[in-house]
Amino acid sequence: MKTTKTFEQLNENEIGDWVNYKDGQRGKIKNFNNDTKTAWVVYKCNENWDLDHWKDYTAEATNYRDLTK
C-alpha cells in the first residue's frame, strides 16, 4: 500500500521537492510560509524540469492541506 505525506510544516530542505496537488497535478515547491500554511508550487514549466530551470517559472500559492508527497 502506498502512503502519502501531508504537510504541517515545511523546511528549506524541501524546496525543489515534488508534490502532488489534490487534482493530480505534480509540481515542485519553490517557496513556503509555515505561518499561513501556503506553499508556492511550480506546476507547469513547459516540461523544462531539467537542472533548476523550473525556478524561473511562476509558482501558484497552494494550501498545505491540498498537497501530498
Protein backbone atom coordinates (compact mmCIF):
# COMPACT_ATOMS: atom_id res chain seq x y z
CA MET A 1 0.00 0.00 0.00
CA LYS A 2 1.31 3.43 -0.97
CA THR A 3 1.32 6.04 1.78
CA THR A 4 1.27 9.77 1.23
CA LYS A 5 2.70 12.50 3.37
CA THR A 6 0.66 15.57 4.19
CA PHE A 7 2.22 18.78 5.39
CA GLU A 8 2.05 20.61 8.70
CA GLN A 9 5.40 22.39 8.37
CA LEU A 10 7.94 22.70 5.58
CA ASN A 11 11.64 23.43 5.83
CA GLU A 12 14.29 24.79 3.48
CA ASN A 13 15.42 21.26 2.57
CA GLU A 14 12.04 20.61 0.92
CA ILE A 15 12.37 23.40 -1.66
CA GLY A 16 12.57 21.63 -5.02
CA ASP A 17 10.76 18.52 -3.79
CA TRP A 18 7.99 17.04 -5.92
CA VAL A 19 4.46 17.34 -4.53
CA ASN A 20 1.01 16.35 -5.75
CA TYR A 21 -1.98 18.67 -5.81
CA LYS A 22 -5.38 17.21 -4.92
CA ASP A 23 -6.44 17.15 -8.60
CA GLY A 24 -3.42 15.04 -9.57
CA GLN A 25 -1.09 17.76 -10.85
CA ARG A 26 2.56 17.36 -9.92
CA GLY A 27 4.86 20.25 -9.19
CA LYS A 28 7.91 21.41 -7.27
CA ILE A 29 7.96 23.53 -4.13
CA LYS A 30 9.51 26.93 -4.89
CA ASN A 31 8.81 28.66 -1.57
CA PHE A 32 6.60 28.36 1.50
CA ASN A 33 5.20 30.12 4.56
CA ASN A 34 4.55 27.94 7.61
CA ASP A 35 2.54 30.69 9.35
CA THR A 36 -0.11 30.78 6.62
CA LYS A 37 0.41 27.12 5.59
CA THR A 38 0.97 28.22 1.99
CA ALA A 39 3.41 26.65 -0.44
CA TRP A 40 4.26 28.24 -3.77
CA VAL A 41 4.45 25.42 -6.25
CA VAL A 42 5.57 25.38 -9.89
CA TYR A 43 3.13 23.07 -11.66
CA LYS A 44 3.86 23.83 -15.28
CA CYS A 45 7.14 24.93 -16.70
CA ASN A 46 6.80 23.89 -20.31
CA GLU A 47 8.21 20.50 -19.23
CA ASN A 48 11.52 22.27 -18.57
CA TRP A 49 12.25 20.44 -15.30
CA ASP A 50 15.93 19.85 -16.10
CA LEU A 51 18.52 21.31 -13.79
CA ASP A 52 16.97 24.28 -11.97
CA HIS A 53 15.05 25.79 -14.91
CA TRP A 54 11.74 25.27 -13.07
CA LYS A 55 12.85 28.03 -10.64
CA ASP A 56 12.40 30.58 -13.45
CA TYR A 57 8.67 29.85 -13.75
CA THR A 58 5.74 31.34 -11.84
CA ALA A 59 4.59 29.38 -8.80
CA GLU A 60 0.99 29.12 -7.61
CA ALA A 61 0.04 29.65 -3.97
CA THR A 62 -1.31 26.36 -2.65
CA ASN A 63 -2.61 25.50 0.81
CA TYR A 64 -0.70 22.73 2.57
CA ARG A 65 -3.91 20.72 3.06
CA ASP A 66 -4.23 20.40 -0.74
CA LEU A 67 -0.77 18.86 -1.16
CA THR A 68 0.68 15.41 -0.63
CA LYS A 69 4.11 14.00 -1.18
